[in-house]
Amino acid sequence: MPIRSLRGAVTALLAVLIFITGAWAQSSGLIDDFSFYLPDVQYLLVGHLQLTAISGGLAIAVAIPLGILLSRPSMAKVAESLMQVLNVGTTIPTLAVLALSMSFLGIGIVPAVFGLFVATLLPIARNTYVGLKGVSPALMEAAAGIGMSPTQRLFRVELPNALYVIFAGIRTALAINVGTVPLAFLIGAGGLGELIFTGIDLYDTVMMLSGAIPTALLAIVVDALVATIAFLVVPRGVNPARA
């Protein structure tokens, strides 16, 4: 109950702040300034979403099977080493990855998708691996005791119990992805980064914020959407938020 009351108070405070900010923006004329860039925002947002969907979808499609593979007992000797390789990959700044991608793949969407894919891959793979390795040995022994095959144990025991951790990795990865997509503008892939970096070059604060604010809101929306999907998909007994 105290937690719900705190959440209600925070929500009410945010609503008041949004109202005050909107009233101030209206009175100061900023609404008209931002509306000038609205067509650009609508157009560039489509490209931003496309880059996020393609690179994020590819990362999910690759990282989850990779995490499952590394969690198998047969991979125990090399799993941690391979995870360290992925860790090294994420230590390289995303801008450097995009620059390297541009060197081999040219400019445009393809190198941008590759760079974003690399930046998004690790959190999902790591959380999948950690989630599966964290399943209670007692559950695994019980499943083996009733005659389940390794494949049955994976899909009926391990994955359901690891889903919450996997979704946490997806939320983190997609938030990183959405926030990194603006850099793709630097290699000719479009997105809201066009407004952000052009606004910086021109010392145009309104133009810059016209790209930055939708990017931040999009990250919040994507995070909330994945959280909602997790709430609906993750079994009740293994979701701490429902306990």
C-alpha atoms as a PDB file:
ATOM      1  CA  MET A   1       0.000   0.000   0.000  1.00  0.00           C
ATOM      2  CA  PRO A   2       2.763   2.569   0.796  1.00  0.00           C
ATOM      3  CA  ILE A   3       4.376   1.782  -2.572  1.00  0.00           C
ATOM      4  CA  ARG A   4       1.091   2.335  -4.407  1.00  0.00           C
ATOM      5  CA  SER A   5       0.550   5.604  -2.552  1.00  0.00           C
ATOM      6  CA  LEU A   6       4.060   6.728  -3.500  1.00  0.00           C
ATOM      7  CA  ARG A   7       3.464   5.829  -7.126  1.00  0.00           C
ATOM      8  CA  GLY A   8       0.190   7.753  -7.081  1.00  0.00           C
ATOM      9  CA  ALA A   9       1.904  10.795  -5.605  1.00  0.00           C
ATOM     10  CA  VAL A  10       4.696  10.665  -8.187  1.00  0.00           C
ATOM     11  CA  THR A  11       2.151  10.317 -11.008  1.00  0.00           C
ATOM     12  CA  ALA A  12       0.158  13.296  -9.717  1.00  0.00           C
ATOM     13  CA  LEU A  13       3.355  15.362  -9.387  1.00  0.00           C
ATOM     14  CA  LEU A  14       4.380  14.515 -12.937  1.00  0.00           C
ATOM     15  CA  ALA A  15       0.923  15.458 -14.210  1.00  0.00           C
ATOM     16  CA  VAL A  16       1.163  18.829 -12.469  1.00  0.00           C
ATOM     17  CA  LEU A  17       4.663  19.431 -13.846  1.00  0.00           C
ATOM     18  CA  ILE A  18       3.523  18.542 -17.354  1.00  0.00           C
ATOM     19  CA  PHE A  19       0.569  20.917 -17.050  1.00  0.00           C
ATOM     20  CA  ILE A  20       2.767  23.754 -15.775  1.00  0.00           C
ATOM     21  CA  THR A  21       5.352  23.154 -18.489  1.00  0.00           C
ATOM     22  CA  GLY A  22       2.668  23.091 -21.170  1.00  0.00           C
ATOM     23  CA  ALA A  23       1.126  26.320 -19.893  1.00  0.00           C
ATOM     24  CA  TRP A  24       4.531  28.024 -19.802  1.00  0.00           C
ATOM     25  CA  ALA A  25       5.412  26.798 -23.298  1.00  0.00           C
ATOM     26  CA  GLN A  26       2.084  28.051 -24.624  1.00  0.00           C
ATOM     27  CA  SER A  27       2.485  31.489 -23.058  1.00  0.00           C
ATOM     28  CA  SER A  28       6.080  31.875 -24.212  1.00  0.00           C
ATOM     29  CA  GLY A  29       5.341  30.943 -27.816  1.00  0.00           C
ATOM     30  CA  LEU A  30       7.466  27.767 -27.802  1.00  0.00           C
ATOM     31  CA  ILE A  31       4.481  25.704 -28.946  1.00  0.00           C
ATOM     32  CA  ASP A  32       4.434  27.618 -32.222  1.00  0.00           C
ATOM     33  CA  ASP A  33       8.194  27.207 -32.599  1.00  0.00           C
ATOM     34  CA  PHE A  34       8.004  23.450 -32.068  1.00  0.00           C
ATOM     35  CA  SER A  35       4.994  23.097 -34.371  1.00  0.00           C
ATOM     36  CA  PHE A  36       7.160  24.441 -37.211  1.00  0.00           C
ATOM     37  CA  TYR A  37       9.252  21.248 -37.031  1.00  0.00           C
ATOM     38  CA  LEU A  38       6.302  18.893 -36.534  1.00  0.00           C
ATOM     39  CA  PRO A  39       6.236  17.664 -40.174  1.00  0.00           C
ATOM     40  CA  ASP A  40       9.968  16.908 -39.949  1.00  0.00           C
ATOM     41  CA  VAL A  41       9.481  15.060 -36.665  1.00  0.00           C
ATOM     42  CA  GLN A  42       6.687  12.954 -38.149  1.00  0.00           C
ATOM     43  CA  TYR A  43       8.771  12.055 -41.187  1.00  0.00           C
ATOM     44  CA  LEU A  44      12.005  11.332 -39.316  1.00  0.00           C
ATOM     45  CA  LEU A  45      10.208   9.390 -36.584  1.00  0.00           C
ATOM     46  CA  VAL A  46       9.224   6.751 -39.139  1.00  0.00           C
ATOM     47  CA  GLY A  47      12.868   6.193 -40.073  1.00  0.00           C
ATOM     48  CA  HIS A  48      13.837   6.174 -36.394  1.00  0.00           C
ATOM     49  CA  LEU A  49      11.264   3.472 -35.669  1.00  0.00           C
ATOM     50  CA  GLN A  50      12.382   1.431 -38.660  1.00  0.00           C
ATOM     51  CA  LEU A  51      16.010   1.426 -37.519  1.00  0.00           C
ATOM     52  CA  THR A  52      14.964   0.455 -33.992  1.00  0.00           C
ATOM     53  CA  ALA A  53      12.617  -2.294 -35.170  1.00  0.00           C
ATOM     54  CA  ILE A  54      15.083  -3.853 -37.613  1.00  0.00           C
ATOM     55  CA  SER A  55      18.203  -3.730 -35.437  1.00  0.00           C
ATOM     56  CA  GLY A  56      16.322  -4.568 -32.231  1.00  0.00           C
ATOM     57  CA  GLY A  57      14.435  -7.422 -33.870  1.00  0.00           C
ATOM     58  CA  LEU A  58      17.641  -8.899 -35.270  1.00  0.00           C
ATOM     59  CA  ALA A  59      19.338  -8.578 -31.868  1.00  0.00           C
ATOM     60  CA  ILE A  60      16.470 -10.379 -30.129  1.00  0.00           C
ATOM     61  CA  ALA A  61      16.399 -13.095 -32.809  1.00  0.00           C
ATOM     62  CA  VAL A  62      20.137 -13.733 -32.407  1.00  0.00           C
ATOM     63  CA  ALA A  63      20.739 -13.008 -28.714  1.00  0.00           C
ATOM     64  CA  ILE A  64      18.061 -15.256 -27.193  1.00  0.00           C
ATOM     65  CA  PRO A  65      19.150 -18.415 -29.080  1.00  0.00           C
ATOM     66  CA  LEU A  66      22.774 -17.491 -28.320  1.00  0.00           C
ATOM     67  CA  GLY A  67      22.010 -17.154 -24.609  1.00  0.00           C
ATOM     68  CA  ILE A  68      20.168 -20.476 -24.655  1.00  0.00           C
ATOM     69  CA  LEU A  69      23.088 -22.155 -26.419  1.00  0.00           C
ATOM     70  CA  LEU A  70      25.650 -20.803 -23.955  1.00  0.00           C
ATOM     71  CA  SER A  71      23.548 -21.948 -20.997  1.00  0.00           C
ATOM     72  CA  ARG A  72      23.644 -25.604 -22.062  1.00  0.00           C
ATOM     73  CA  PRO A  73      25.829 -27.902 -19.939  1.00  0.00           C
ATOM     74  CA  SER A  74      27.880 -28.864 -22.991  1.00  0.00           C
ATOM     75  CA  MET A  75      28.973 -25.220 -23.368  1.00  0.00           C
ATOM     76  CA  ALA A  76      29.941 -24.714 -19.725  1.00  0.00           C
ATOM     77  CA  LYS A  77      33.688 -24.611 -20.432  1.00  0.00           C
ATOM     78  CA  VAL A  78      33.516 -21.890 -23.069  1.00  0.00           C
ATOM     79  CA  ALA A  79      30.363 -19.954 -22.111  1.00  0.00           C
ATOM     80  CA  GLU A  80      32.054 -17.439 -19.834  1.00  0.00           C
ATOM     81  CA  SER A  81      34.854 -16.858 -22.348  1.00  0.00           C
ATOM     82  CA  LEU A  82      32.345 -16.155 -25.107  1.00  0.00           C
ATOM     83  CA  MET A  83      30.440 -13.821 -22.801  1.00  0.00           C
ATOM     84  CA  GLN A  84      33.665 -11.901 -22.199  1.00  0.00           C
ATOM     85  CA  VAL A  85      34.076 -11.561 -25.958  1.00  0.00           C
ATOM     86  CA  LEU A  86      30.612  -9.994 -26.123  1.00  0.00           C
ATOM     87  CA  ASN A  87      31.546  -7.735 -23.196  1.00  0.00           C
ATOM     88  CA  VAL A  88      34.618  -6.534 -25.060  1.00  0.00           C
ATOM     89  CA  GLY A  89      32.422  -5.746 -28.059  1.00  0.00           C
ATOM     90  CA  THR A  90      30.213  -3.473 -25.973  1.00  0.00           C
ATOM     91  CA  THR A  91      33.157  -1.544 -24.535  1.00  0.00           C
ATOM     92  CA  ILE A  92      33.757  -0.084 -27.997  1.00  0.00           C
ATOM     93  CA  PRO A  93      31.829   3.201 -28.275  1.00  0.00           C
ATOM     94  CA  THR A  94      28.800   2.926 -30.530  1.00  0.00           C
ATOM     95  CA  LEU A  95      30.021   5.825 -32.636  1.00  0.00           C
ATOM     96  CA  ALA A  96      33.254   3.915 -33.266  1.00  0.00           C
ATOM     97  CA  VAL A  97      31.264   0.809 -34.217  1.00  0.00           C
ATOM     98  CA  LEU A  98      29.225   2.894 -36.655  1.00  0.00           C
ATOM     99  CA  ALA A  99      32.417   4.354 -38.121  1.00  0.00           C
ATOM    100  CA  LEU A 100      33.904   0.881 -38.575  1.00  0.00           C
ATOM    101  CA  SER A 101      30.641  -0.337 -40.100  1.00  0.00           C
ATOM    102  CA  MET A 102      30.705   2.578 -42.532  1.00  0.00           C
ATOM    103  CA  SER A 103      34.261   1.666 -43.521  1.00  0.00           C
ATOM    104  CA  PHE A 104      33.208  -1.838 -44.588  1.00  0.00           C
ATOM    105  CA  LEU A 105      29.547  -1.411 -45.523  1.00  0.00           C
ATOM    106  CA  GLY A 106      29.405   2.141 -46.858  1.00  0.00           C
ATOM    107  CA  ILE A 107      26.872   4.703 -45.677  1.00  0.00           C
ATOM    108  CA  GLY A 108      23.157   4.357 -45.137  1.00  0.00           C
ATOM    109  CA  ILE A 109      20.833   2.001 -43.343  1.00  0.00           C
ATOM    110  CA  VAL A 110      22.892  -1.215 -43.562  1.00  0.00           C
ATOM    111  CA  PRO A 111      25.926  -0.068 -41.504  1.00  0.00           C
ATOM    112  CA  ALA A 112      23.600   1.710 -39.075  1.00  0.00           C
ATOM    113  CA  VAL A 113      21.558  -1.449 -38.503  1.00  0.00           C
ATOM    114  CA  PHE A 114      24.750  -3.449 -37.972  1.00  0.00           C
ATOM    115  CA  GLY A 115      26.151  -0.979 -35.453  1.00  0.00           C
ATOM    116  CA  LEU A 116      22.862  -0.791 -33.541  1.00  0.00           C
ATOM    117  CA  PHE A 117      22.595  -4.576 -33.637  1.00  0.00           C
ATOM    118  CA  VAL A 118      26.010  -4.907 -31.986  1.00  0.00           C
ATOM    119  CA  ALA A 119      25.105  -2.326 -29.327  1.00  0.00           C
ATOM    120  CA  THR A 120      21.820  -4.108 -28.551  1.00  0.00           C
ATOM    121  CA  LEU A 121      23.035  -7.696 -28.564  1.00  0.00           C
ATOM    122  CA  LEU A 122      24.825  -8.085 -25.212  1.00  0.00           C
ATOM    123  CA  PRO A 123      22.113  -7.186 -22.650  1.00  0.00           C
ATOM    124  CA  ILE A 124      19.680  -9.671 -24.183  1.00  0.00           C
ATOM    125  CA  ALA A 125      22.213 -12.485 -24.552  1.00  0.00           C
ATOM    126  CA  ARG A 126      23.609 -11.935 -21.063  1.00  0.00           C
ATOM    127  CA  ASN A 127      20.197 -11.826 -19.389  1.00  0.00           C
ATOM    128  CA  THR A 128      19.052 -14.910 -21.272  1.00  0.00           C
ATOM    129  CA  TYR A 129      22.157 -16.764 -20.146  1.00  0.00           C
ATOM    130  CA  VAL A 130      21.935 -15.549 -16.537  1.00  0.00           C
ATOM    131  CA  GLY A 131      18.204 -16.202 -16.345  1.00  0.00           C
ATOM    132  CA  LEU A 132      18.522 -19.779 -17.554  1.00  0.00           C
ATOM    133  CA  LYS A 133      21.522 -20.514 -15.329  1.00  0.00           C
ATOM    134  CA  GLY A 134      19.600 -19.125 -12.364  1.00  0.00           C
ATOM    135  CA  VAL A 135      16.744 -21.618 -12.585  1.00  0.00           C
ATOM    136  CA  SER A 136      16.553 -23.629  -9.360  1.00  0.00           C
ATOM    137  CA  PRO A 137      18.407 -26.968  -9.568  1.00  0.00           C
ATOM    138  CA  ALA A 138      15.560 -28.497  -7.567  1.00  0.00           C
ATOM    139  CA  LEU A 139      13.143 -27.666 -10.373  1.00  0.00           C
ATOM    140  CA  MET A 140      15.473 -29.184 -12.930  1.00  0.00           C
ATOM    141  CA  GLU A 141      15.858 -32.354 -10.880  1.00  0.00           C
ATOM    142  CA  ALA A 142      12.097 -32.604 -10.431  1.00  0.00           C
ATOM    143  CA  ALA A 143      11.558 -32.191 -14.178  1.00  0.00           C
ATOM    144  CA  ALA A 144      14.148 -34.856 -14.933  1.00  0.00           C
ATOM    145  CA  GLY A 145      12.583 -37.096 -12.293  1.00  0.00           C
ATOM    146  CA  ILE A 146       9.208 -37.120 -14.051  1.00  0.00           C
ATOM    147  CA  GLY A 147      10.847 -38.080 -17.329  1.00  0.00           C
ATOM    148  CA  MET A 148      11.139 -34.760 -19.184  1.00  0.00           C
ATOM    149  CA  SER A 149      13.671 -34.644 -22.003  1.00  0.00           C
ATOM    150  CA  PRO A 150      16.243 -31.808 -22.127  1.00  0.00           C
ATOM    151  CA  THR A 151      14.152 -30.030 -24.752  1.00  0.00           C
ATOM    152  CA  GLN A 152      11.012 -30.348 -22.654  1.00  0.00           C
ATOM    153  CA  ARG A 153      12.854 -29.034 -19.599  1.00  0.00           C
ATOM    154  CA  LEU A 154      14.058 -26.051 -21.623  1.00  0.00           C
ATOM    155  CA  PHE A 155      10.628 -25.002 -22.875  1.00  0.00           C
ATOM    156  CA  ARG A 156       8.477 -26.057 -19.931  1.00  0.00           C
ATOM    157  CA  VAL A 157      10.731 -25.273 -16.972  1.00  0.00           C
ATOM    158  CA  GLU A 158      13.771 -23.165 -17.793  1.00  0.00           C
ATOM    159  CA  LEU A 159      12.390 -20.556 -20.199  1.00  0.00           C
ATOM    160  CA  PRO A 160       9.191 -19.848 -18.203  1.00  0.00           C
ATOM    161  CA  ASN A 161      11.285 -19.267 -15.083  1.00  0.00           C
ATOM    162  CA  ALA A 162      13.857 -17.144 -16.947  1.00  0.00           C
ATOM    163  CA  LEU A 163      11.379 -14.968 -18.871  1.00  0.00           C
ATOM    164  CA  TYR A 164      11.345 -12.155 -16.334  1.00  0.00           C
ATOM    165  CA  VAL A 165      15.133 -11.767 -16.514  1.00  0.00           C
ATOM    166  CA  ILE A 166      15.098 -12.092 -20.313  1.00  0.00           C
ATOM    167  CA  PHE A 167      12.494  -9.348 -20.651  1.00  0.00           C
ATOM    168  CA  ALA A 168      14.571  -7.140 -18.350  1.00  0.00           C
ATOM    169  CA  GLY A 169      17.457  -7.526 -20.799  1.00  0.00           C
ATOM    170  CA  ILE A 170      15.189  -6.714 -23.740  1.00  0.00           C
ATOM    171  CA  ARG A 171      13.946  -3.561 -22.004  1.00  0.00           C
ATOM    172  CA  THR A 172      17.499  -2.407 -21.329  1.00  0.00           C
ATOM    173  CA  ALA A 173      18.663  -3.229 -24.844  1.00  0.00           C
ATOM    174  CA  LEU A 174      15.800  -1.475 -26.622  1.00  0.00           C
ATOM    175  CA  ALA A 175      16.179   1.617 -24.442  1.00  0.00           C
ATOM    176  CA  ILE A 176      19.853   1.735 -25.449  1.00  0.00           C
ATOM    177  CA  ASN A 177      18.867   1.162 -29.058  1.00  0.00           C
ATOM    178  CA  VAL A 178      16.318   3.998 -29.192  1.00  0.00           C
ATOM    179  CA  GLY A 179      18.760   6.393 -27.556  1.00  0.00           C
ATOM    180  CA  THR A 180      21.573   5.407 -29.903  1.00  0.00           C
ATOM    181  CA  VAL A 181      19.648   5.598 -33.186  1.00  0.00           C
ATOM    182  CA  PRO A 182      20.212   9.404 -33.479  1.00  0.00           C
ATOM    183  CA  LEU A 183      23.901   8.660 -34.066  1.00  0.00           C
ATOM    184  CA  ALA A 184      22.903   6.824 -37.247  1.00  0.00           C
ATOM    185  CA  PHE A 185      22.281  10.213 -38.861  1.00  0.00           C
ATOM    186  CA  LEU A 186      26.045  10.739 -38.890  1.00  0.00           C
ATOM    187  CA  ILE A 187      26.445   7.916 -41.423  1.00  0.00           C
ATOM    188  CA  GLY A 188      23.467   8.847 -43.545  1.00  0.00           C
ATOM    189  CA  ALA A 189      20.776   6.595 -42.070  1.00  0.00           C
ATOM    190  CA  GLY A 190      18.303   9.327 -41.079  1.00  0.00           C
ATOM    191  CA  GLY A 191      16.240   9.306 -37.917  1.00  0.00           C
ATOM    192  CA  LEU A 192      15.611  12.028 -35.350  1.00  0.00           C
ATOM    193  CA  GLY A 193      19.340  12.589 -35.072  1.00  0.00           C
ATOM    194  CA  GLU A 194      18.997  14.818 -38.133  1.00  0.00           C
ATOM    195  CA  LEU A 195      17.159  17.417 -36.054  1.00  0.00           C
ATOM    196  CA  ILE A 196      19.392  16.954 -33.023  1.00  0.00           C
ATOM    197  CA  PHE A 197      22.755  17.321 -34.737  1.00  0.00           C
ATOM    198  CA  THR A 198      21.614  19.949 -37.226  1.00  0.00           C
ATOM    199  CA  GLY A 199      20.178  21.951 -34.325  1.00  0.00           C
ATOM    200  CA  ILE A 200      23.502  21.696 -32.502  1.00  0.00           C
ATOM    201  CA  ASP A 201      25.423  22.841 -35.593  1.00  0.00           C
ATOM    202  CA  LEU A 202      23.072  25.783 -36.127  1.00  0.00           C
ATOM    203  CA  TYR A 203      22.793  26.668 -32.428  1.00  0.00           C
ATOM    204  CA  ASP A 204      19.041  26.193 -32.853  1.00  0.00           C
ATOM    205  CA  THR A 205      17.764  24.963 -29.485  1.00  0.00           C
ATOM    206  CA  VAL A 206      14.198  24.434 -30.662  1.00  0.00           C
ATOM    207  CA  MET A 207      15.332  22.279 -33.595  1.00  0.00           C
ATOM    208  CA  MET A 208      17.595  20.258 -31.314  1.00  0.00           C
ATOM    209  CA  LEU A 209      14.842  19.694 -28.760  1.00  0.00           C
ATOM    210  CA  SER A 210      12.394  18.804 -31.538  1.00  0.00           C
ATOM    211  CA  GLY A 211      14.558  15.741 -32.103  1.00  0.00           C
ATOM    212  CA  ALA A 212      15.682  15.093 -28.537  1.00  0.00           C
ATOM    213  CA  ILE A 213      12.285  15.218 -26.835  1.00  0.00           C
ATOM    214  CA  PRO A 214      10.582  12.702 -29.191  1.00  0.00           C
ATOM    215  CA  THR A 215      13.610  10.429 -28.813  1.00  0.00           C
ATOM    216  CA  ALA A 216      13.294  10.476 -25.028  1.00  0.00           C
ATOM    217  CA  LEU A 217       9.522   9.959 -25.179  1.00  0.00           C
ATOM    218  CA  LEU A 218       9.966   7.100 -27.642  1.00  0.00           C
ATOM    219  CA  ALA A 219      12.404   5.365 -25.277  1.00  0.00           C
ATOM    220  CA  ILE A 220       9.847   5.669 -22.458  1.00  0.00           C
ATOM    221  CA  VAL A 221       7.042   4.333 -24.667  1.00  0.00           C
ATOM    222  CA  VAL A 222       9.117   1.375 -25.882  1.00  0.00           C
ATOM    223  CA  ASP A 223      10.137   0.533 -22.321  1.00  0.00           C
ATOM    224  CA  ALA A 224       6.522   0.702 -21.147  1.00  0.00           C
ATOM    225  CA  LEU A 225       5.369  -1.438 -24.080  1.00  0.00           C
ATOM    226  CA  VAL A 226       7.933  -4.167 -23.363  1.00  0.00           C
ATOM    227  CA  ALA A 227       7.072  -4.008 -19.654  1.00  0.00           C
ATOM    228  CA  THR A 228       3.391  -4.503 -20.513  1.00  0.00           C
ATOM    229  CA  ILE A 229       4.185  -7.470 -22.740  1.00  0.00           C
ATOM    230  CA  ALA A 230       6.324  -8.953 -19.966  1.00  0.00           C
ATOM    231  CA  PHE A 231       3.485  -8.474 -17.472  1.00  0.00           C
ATOM    232  CA  LEU A 232       1.131 -10.386 -19.760  1.00  0.00           C
ATOM    233  CA  VAL A 233       3.563 -13.120 -20.824  1.00  0.00           C
ATOM    234  CA  VAL A 234       5.659 -13.925 -17.749  1.00  0.00           C
ATOM    235  CA  PRO A 235       4.025 -16.572 -15.521  1.00  0.00           C
ATOM    236  CA  ARG A 236       2.685 -15.054 -12.314  1.00  0.00           C
ATOM    237  CA  GLY A 237       4.747 -17.231 -10.010  1.00  0.00           C
ATOM    238  CA  VAL A 238       8.091 -16.086 -11.439  1.00  0.00           C
ATOM    239  CA  ASN A 239       7.415 -12.351 -11.775  1.00  0.00           C
ATOM    240  CA  PRO A 240       8.555 -10.446  -8.662  1.00  0.00           C
ATOM    241  CA  ALA A 241       6.313  -7.529  -9.597  1.00  0.00           C
ATOM    242  CA  ARG A 242       3.266  -9.743  -9.223  1.00  0.00           C
ATOM    243  CA  ALA A 243       4.300 -11.542  -6.084  1.00  0.00           C
END
